[in-house]
Amino acid sequence: MKTKDELGREFDERPWGNFTVLDDEMFDHKVKRIIVAPGKRLSYQQHAKRAEHWFVVGGTATVVLDGVEHEIRPGGSIDIAIGQAHRCENRGTSPVVLIEVQHGTYFGEDDIVRLEDDFGRAN
């Protein structure tokens, strides 16, 4: 459910954790802080109108990018091109915290094609 955090930023609880929008004032990019709870994972998804850059600041993220697993530790990052299938999974015991920079022409949540989802939201 979309709400606002204590600083008035968009905040949304999801079944896997939550995200906070840190910057969405420009037309060509958006920045989020994403927290993935231990034992949870985002849907395996694609976007038609945006690329993403994930920079891990806490925990160890298991990122699946076009079927290939990558382990990303704090200080590491990964680039996701427009159209690439991707997901972030937290196999650890502490939250995975990442900064997501989206770049493209549209950043709405309806530009998500869910290929697989643990919570019954696949397209």
N, C-alpha and C. Protein backbone atom coordinates (compact mmCIF):
# COMPACT_ATOMS: atom_id res chain seq x y z
N MET A 1 0.84 -1.18 0.00
CA MET A 1 0.00 0.00 0.00
C MET A 1 0.88 1.24 0.00
N LYS A 2 0.69 2.11 -0.96
CA LYS A 2 1.49 3.33 -1.06
C LYS A 2 1.14 4.29 0.06
N THR A 3 2.19 4.74 0.73
CA THR A 3 2.03 5.73 1.78
C THR A 3 3.20 6.69 1.67
N LYS A 4 3.38 7.51 2.68
CA LYS A 4 4.52 8.43 2.75
C LYS A 4 5.34 8.09 3.99
N ASP A 5 6.66 8.23 3.89
CA ASP A 5 7.50 8.04 5.07
C ASP A 5 7.51 9.33 5.88
N GLU A 6 8.32 9.35 6.95
CA GLU A 6 8.35 10.51 7.84
C GLU A 6 8.88 11.78 7.17
N LEU A 7 9.55 11.63 6.02
CA LEU A 7 10.06 12.78 5.27
C LEU A 7 9.15 13.15 4.10
N GLY A 8 8.01 12.47 3.99
CA GLY A 8 7.06 12.78 2.92
C GLY A 8 7.34 12.10 1.60
N ARG A 9 8.28 11.15 1.59
CA ARG A 9 8.62 10.43 0.35
C ARG A 9 7.68 9.24 0.15
N GLU A 10 7.45 8.89 -1.11
CA GLU A 10 6.62 7.73 -1.42
C GLU A 10 7.26 6.49 -0.81
N PHE A 11 6.45 5.72 -0.09
CA PHE A 11 6.89 4.50 0.57
C PHE A 11 5.85 3.43 0.29
N ASP A 12 6.29 2.22 -0.04
CA ASP A 12 5.35 1.16 -0.38
C ASP A 12 5.80 -0.16 0.24
N GLU A 13 4.92 -0.78 1.02
CA GLU A 13 5.16 -2.12 1.55
C GLU A 13 4.80 -3.13 0.48
N ARG A 14 5.64 -4.13 0.32
CA ARG A 14 5.40 -5.21 -0.63
C ARG A 14 5.51 -6.54 0.12
N PRO A 15 5.07 -7.64 -0.47
CA PRO A 15 5.15 -8.93 0.24
C PRO A 15 6.59 -9.38 0.50
N TRP A 16 7.54 -8.82 -0.23
CA TRP A 16 8.95 -9.18 -0.09
C TRP A 16 9.74 -8.18 0.75
N GLY A 17 9.16 -7.05 1.10
CA GLY A 17 9.88 -6.01 1.84
C GLY A 17 9.24 -4.66 1.58
N ASN A 18 10.05 -3.65 1.18
CA ASN A 18 9.50 -2.33 0.90
C ASN A 18 10.44 -1.51 0.03
N PHE A 19 9.91 -0.39 -0.47
CA PHE A 19 10.76 0.56 -1.17
C PHE A 19 10.37 1.98 -0.81
N THR A 20 11.36 2.87 -0.89
CA THR A 20 11.18 4.29 -0.68
C THR A 20 11.71 5.01 -1.91
N VAL A 21 10.92 5.92 -2.47
CA VAL A 21 11.37 6.71 -3.61
C VAL A 21 12.23 7.85 -3.06
N LEU A 22 13.49 7.87 -3.45
CA LEU A 22 14.42 8.90 -2.99
C LEU A 22 14.44 10.11 -3.90
N ASP A 23 14.20 9.91 -5.21
CA ASP A 23 14.21 11.02 -6.17
C ASP A 23 13.39 10.63 -7.39
N ASP A 24 12.42 11.45 -7.74
CA ASP A 24 11.65 11.23 -8.97
C ASP A 24 11.26 12.55 -9.62
N GLU A 25 12.12 13.55 -9.45
CA GLU A 25 11.80 14.89 -9.96
C GLU A 25 12.17 15.10 -11.42
N MET A 26 13.05 14.29 -11.98
CA MET A 26 13.49 14.47 -13.36
C MET A 26 12.72 13.55 -14.30
N PHE A 27 12.67 13.90 -15.56
CA PHE A 27 11.91 13.12 -16.54
C PHE A 27 12.61 11.86 -16.98
N ASP A 28 13.95 11.77 -16.78
CA ASP A 28 14.70 10.66 -17.37
C ASP A 28 15.27 9.67 -16.36
N HIS A 29 15.00 9.84 -15.05
CA HIS A 29 15.46 8.86 -14.07
C HIS A 29 14.66 8.93 -12.77
N LYS A 30 14.75 7.85 -12.00
CA LYS A 30 14.08 7.73 -10.71
C LYS A 30 15.01 6.93 -9.81
N VAL A 31 15.05 7.26 -8.51
CA VAL A 31 15.93 6.57 -7.57
C VAL A 31 15.10 6.03 -6.40
N LYS A 32 15.32 4.75 -6.07
CA LYS A 32 14.61 4.10 -4.96
C LYS A 32 15.61 3.42 -4.02
N ARG A 33 15.22 3.32 -2.75
CA ARG A 33 15.91 2.41 -1.81
C ARG A 33 14.97 1.22 -1.65
N ILE A 34 15.49 0.03 -1.92
CA ILE A 34 14.70 -1.19 -1.85
C ILE A 34 15.25 -2.06 -0.72
N ILE A 35 14.36 -2.58 0.11
CA ILE A 35 14.76 -3.49 1.18
C ILE A 35 14.05 -4.81 0.96
N VAL A 36 14.85 -5.88 0.81
CA VAL A 36 14.32 -7.22 0.61
C VAL A 36 14.52 -8.00 1.91
N ALA A 37 13.43 -8.47 2.49
CA ALA A 37 13.47 -9.18 3.76
C ALA A 37 14.18 -10.54 3.61
N PRO A 38 14.79 -11.03 4.69
CA PRO A 38 15.42 -12.36 4.64
C PRO A 38 14.43 -13.43 4.17
N GLY A 39 14.91 -14.29 3.27
CA GLY A 39 14.10 -15.38 2.75
C GLY A 39 13.11 -14.99 1.68
N LYS A 40 13.11 -13.74 1.25
CA LYS A 40 12.14 -13.26 0.25
C LYS A 40 12.85 -12.91 -1.05
N ARG A 41 12.06 -12.74 -2.11
CA ARG A 41 12.60 -12.33 -3.40
C ARG A 41 11.55 -11.58 -4.19
N LEU A 42 12.04 -10.67 -5.02
CA LEU A 42 11.16 -9.93 -5.93
C LEU A 42 10.70 -10.87 -7.03
N SER A 43 9.67 -10.47 -7.76
CA SER A 43 9.24 -11.25 -8.91
C SER A 43 10.34 -11.26 -9.96
N TYR A 44 10.35 -12.30 -10.77
CA TYR A 44 11.25 -12.37 -11.93
C TYR A 44 10.53 -11.57 -13.00
N GLN A 45 11.12 -10.45 -13.45
CA GLN A 45 10.38 -9.47 -14.22
C GLN A 45 11.22 -8.82 -15.30
N GLN A 46 10.52 -8.08 -16.16
CA GLN A 46 11.13 -7.30 -17.23
C GLN A 46 10.46 -5.94 -17.29
N HIS A 47 11.17 -4.99 -17.90
CA HIS A 47 10.61 -3.65 -18.14
C HIS A 47 10.82 -3.28 -19.60
N ALA A 48 9.83 -2.64 -20.19
CA ALA A 48 9.92 -2.24 -21.60
C ALA A 48 10.47 -0.83 -21.78
N LYS A 49 10.40 0.00 -20.72
CA LYS A 49 10.73 1.41 -20.91
C LYS A 49 11.83 1.93 -19.99
N ARG A 50 12.45 1.04 -19.23
CA ARG A 50 13.51 1.50 -18.34
C ARG A 50 14.58 0.45 -18.12
N ALA A 51 15.80 0.93 -17.93
CA ALA A 51 16.93 0.12 -17.48
C ALA A 51 17.10 0.41 -15.99
N GLU A 52 17.82 -0.46 -15.28
CA GLU A 52 18.04 -0.27 -13.86
C GLU A 52 19.50 -0.55 -13.51
N HIS A 53 19.98 0.16 -12.50
CA HIS A 53 21.30 -0.07 -11.92
C HIS A 53 21.06 -0.33 -10.44
N TRP A 54 21.49 -1.48 -9.94
CA TRP A 54 21.32 -1.83 -8.54
C TRP A 54 22.67 -1.76 -7.84
N PHE A 55 22.77 -0.98 -6.77
CA PHE A 55 23.97 -0.85 -5.95
C PHE A 55 23.61 -1.37 -4.55
N VAL A 56 24.27 -2.45 -4.12
CA VAL A 56 23.95 -3.07 -2.84
C VAL A 56 24.69 -2.34 -1.72
N VAL A 57 23.94 -1.91 -0.70
CA VAL A 57 24.54 -1.23 0.44
C VAL A 57 24.47 -2.06 1.71
N GLY A 58 23.66 -3.12 1.74
CA GLY A 58 23.57 -3.97 2.92
C GLY A 58 23.11 -5.36 2.55
N GLY A 59 23.63 -6.36 3.25
CA GLY A 59 23.26 -7.74 2.98
C GLY A 59 23.92 -8.25 1.71
N THR A 60 23.61 -9.49 1.37
CA THR A 60 24.13 -10.09 0.14
C THR A 60 22.94 -10.44 -0.75
N ALA A 61 22.92 -9.84 -1.92
CA ALA A 61 21.83 -10.05 -2.88
C ALA A 61 22.20 -11.14 -3.87
N THR A 62 21.28 -12.06 -4.08
CA THR A 62 21.42 -13.02 -5.18
C THR A 62 20.56 -12.46 -6.31
N VAL A 63 21.20 -12.01 -7.37
CA VAL A 63 20.50 -11.42 -8.50
C VAL A 63 20.49 -12.41 -9.65
N VAL A 64 19.32 -12.68 -10.19
CA VAL A 64 19.18 -13.51 -11.38
C VAL A 64 18.94 -12.56 -12.54
N LEU A 65 19.83 -12.62 -13.53
CA LEU A 65 19.76 -11.76 -14.70
C LEU A 65 19.77 -12.65 -15.93
N ASP A 66 18.64 -12.69 -16.63
CA ASP A 66 18.47 -13.58 -17.79
C ASP A 66 18.89 -15.01 -17.47
N GLY A 67 18.47 -15.50 -16.29
CA GLY A 67 18.71 -16.89 -15.90
C GLY A 67 20.05 -17.17 -15.27
N VAL A 68 20.92 -16.18 -15.17
CA VAL A 68 22.26 -16.37 -14.60
C VAL A 68 22.31 -15.71 -13.22
N GLU A 69 22.76 -16.48 -12.20
CA GLU A 69 22.85 -15.95 -10.84
C GLU A 69 24.14 -15.17 -10.62
N HIS A 70 24.01 -14.05 -9.91
CA HIS A 70 25.15 -13.21 -9.52
C HIS A 70 25.01 -12.91 -8.03
N GLU A 71 26.06 -13.12 -7.26
CA GLU A 71 26.04 -12.76 -5.84
C GLU A 71 26.66 -11.38 -5.70
N ILE A 72 25.88 -10.43 -5.17
CA ILE A 72 26.33 -9.05 -5.06
C ILE A 72 26.39 -8.67 -3.57
N ARG A 73 27.57 -8.33 -3.13
CA ARG A 73 27.80 -7.95 -1.73
C ARG A 73 27.81 -6.42 -1.61
N PRO A 74 27.77 -5.89 -0.38
CA PRO A 74 27.80 -4.44 -0.21
C PRO A 74 28.97 -3.80 -0.96
N GLY A 75 28.66 -2.73 -1.68
CA GLY A 75 29.65 -2.05 -2.51
C GLY A 75 29.65 -2.53 -3.95
N GLY A 76 28.96 -3.63 -4.21
CA GLY A 76 28.88 -4.17 -5.57
C GLY A 76 27.62 -3.70 -6.26
N SER A 77 27.61 -3.84 -7.58
CA SER A 77 26.45 -3.38 -8.35
C SER A 77 26.26 -4.25 -9.58
N ILE A 78 25.10 -4.07 -10.21
CA ILE A 78 24.78 -4.78 -11.43
C ILE A 78 23.88 -3.90 -12.29
N ASP A 79 24.06 -3.98 -13.60
CA ASP A 79 23.24 -3.22 -14.54
C ASP A 79 22.24 -4.15 -15.21
N ILE A 80 21.01 -3.67 -15.34
CA ILE A 80 19.92 -4.42 -15.95
C ILE A 80 19.43 -3.60 -17.14
N ALA A 81 19.60 -4.14 -18.33
CA ALA A 81 19.20 -3.43 -19.56
C ALA A 81 17.69 -3.53 -19.76
N ILE A 82 17.15 -2.62 -20.53
CA ILE A 82 15.73 -2.68 -20.90
C ILE A 82 15.45 -4.05 -21.50
N GLY A 83 14.39 -4.70 -21.01
CA GLY A 83 13.97 -5.99 -21.53
C GLY A 83 14.62 -7.20 -20.88
N GLN A 84 15.67 -7.02 -20.09
CA GLN A 84 16.31 -8.17 -19.44
C GLN A 84 15.45 -8.68 -18.29
N ALA A 85 15.32 -10.00 -18.20
CA ALA A 85 14.60 -10.61 -17.09
C ALA A 85 15.51 -10.58 -15.86
N HIS A 86 14.93 -10.20 -14.70
CA HIS A 86 15.75 -10.04 -13.51
C HIS A 86 14.93 -10.19 -12.24
N ARG A 87 15.64 -10.52 -11.15
CA ARG A 87 15.05 -10.56 -9.83
C ARG A 87 16.15 -10.44 -8.80
N CYS A 88 15.79 -10.01 -7.59
CA CYS A 88 16.70 -9.95 -6.46
C CYS A 88 16.15 -10.88 -5.39
N GLU A 89 17.02 -11.71 -4.85
CA GLU A 89 16.63 -12.65 -3.80
C GLU A 89 17.53 -12.45 -2.59
N ASN A 90 16.95 -12.59 -1.39
CA ASN A 90 17.71 -12.50 -0.15
C ASN A 90 17.74 -13.88 0.49
N ARG A 91 18.86 -14.56 0.37
CA ARG A 91 19.04 -15.89 0.98
C ARG A 91 19.67 -15.81 2.36
N GLY A 92 19.96 -14.59 2.81
CA GLY A 92 20.63 -14.39 4.09
C GLY A 92 19.67 -14.22 5.25
N THR A 93 20.22 -13.80 6.39
CA THR A 93 19.43 -13.61 7.60
C THR A 93 19.24 -12.14 7.95
N SER A 94 19.88 -11.25 7.23
CA SER A 94 19.68 -9.81 7.43
C SER A 94 19.11 -9.21 6.15
N PRO A 95 18.45 -8.06 6.25
CA PRO A 95 17.85 -7.46 5.05
C PRO A 95 18.89 -7.13 3.97
N VAL A 96 18.48 -7.28 2.72
CA VAL A 96 19.26 -6.77 1.60
C VAL A 96 18.75 -5.36 1.35
N VAL A 97 19.68 -4.41 1.30
CA VAL A 97 19.34 -3.02 1.03
C VAL A 97 20.08 -2.62 -0.24
N LEU A 98 19.32 -2.13 -1.21
CA LEU A 98 19.96 -1.69 -2.45
C LEU A 98 19.38 -0.37 -2.90
N ILE A 99 20.20 0.37 -3.61
CA ILE A 99 19.77 1.61 -4.24
C ILE A 99 19.57 1.30 -5.72
N GLU A 100 18.38 1.60 -6.20
CA GLU A 100 18.03 1.33 -7.59
C GLU A 100 17.94 2.66 -8.33
N VAL A 101 18.71 2.79 -9.40
CA VAL A 101 18.60 3.95 -10.28
C VAL A 101 17.96 3.47 -11.57
N GLN A 102 16.78 4.00 -11.85
CA GLN A 102 16.08 3.68 -13.09
C GLN A 102 16.39 4.77 -14.11
N HIS A 103 16.61 4.36 -15.36
CA HIS A 103 16.86 5.32 -16.43
C HIS A 103 16.05 4.91 -17.64
N GLY A 104 15.31 5.84 -18.20
CA GLY A 104 14.50 5.51 -19.36
C GLY A 104 13.49 6.59 -19.66
N THR A 105 12.34 6.15 -20.20
CA THR A 105 11.31 7.10 -20.62
C THR A 105 10.05 7.04 -19.77
N TYR A 106 9.92 5.99 -18.93
CA TYR A 106 8.71 5.83 -18.12
C TYR A 106 9.05 4.97 -16.91
N PHE A 107 8.52 5.35 -15.73
CA PHE A 107 8.91 4.68 -14.49
C PHE A 107 7.74 4.17 -13.67
N GLY A 108 6.55 4.11 -14.25
CA GLY A 108 5.38 3.63 -13.53
C GLY A 108 5.47 2.16 -13.18
N GLU A 109 4.79 1.79 -12.10
CA GLU A 109 4.78 0.39 -11.66
C GLU A 109 4.06 -0.51 -12.67
N ASP A 110 3.31 0.06 -13.61
CA ASP A 110 2.66 -0.76 -14.62
C ASP A 110 3.59 -1.14 -15.77
N ASP A 111 4.86 -0.72 -15.72
CA ASP A 111 5.87 -1.18 -16.68
C ASP A 111 6.64 -2.36 -16.08
N ILE A 112 5.90 -3.26 -15.46
CA ILE A 112 6.49 -4.49 -14.91
C ILE A 112 5.75 -5.66 -15.54
N VAL A 113 6.48 -6.52 -16.24
CA VAL A 113 5.93 -7.78 -16.72
C VAL A 113 6.51 -8.86 -15.81
N ARG A 114 5.66 -9.43 -14.95
CA ARG A 114 6.11 -10.46 -14.01
C ARG A 114 6.07 -11.81 -14.69
N LEU A 115 7.25 -12.43 -14.84
CA LEU A 115 7.37 -13.73 -15.48
C LEU A 115 7.12 -14.85 -14.48
N GLU A 116 7.58 -14.66 -13.23
CA GLU A 116 7.35 -15.59 -12.12
C GLU A 116 7.17 -14.74 -10.87
N ASP A 117 6.36 -15.23 -9.93
CA ASP A 117 6.15 -14.48 -8.70
C ASP A 117 5.72 -15.40 -7.58
N ASP A 118 6.34 -15.25 -6.42
CA ASP A 118 6.02 -16.09 -5.26
C ASP A 118 4.70 -15.69 -4.62
N PHE A 119 4.12 -14.58 -5.02
CA PHE A 119 2.93 -14.05 -4.35
C PHE A 119 1.71 -13.98 -5.28
N GLY A 120 1.74 -14.75 -6.37
CA GLY A 120 0.59 -14.85 -7.26
C GLY A 120 0.33 -13.63 -8.11
N ARG A 121 1.36 -12.82 -8.39
CA ARG A 121 1.17 -11.59 -9.18
C ARG A 121 1.71 -11.71 -10.61
N ALA A 122 2.07 -12.90 -11.07
CA ALA A 122 2.65 -13.05 -12.41
C ALA A 122 1.62 -12.68 -13.46
N ASN A 123 2.09 -12.09 -14.56
CA ASN A 123 1.19 -11.65 -15.65
C ASN A 123 0.65 -12.84 -16.40
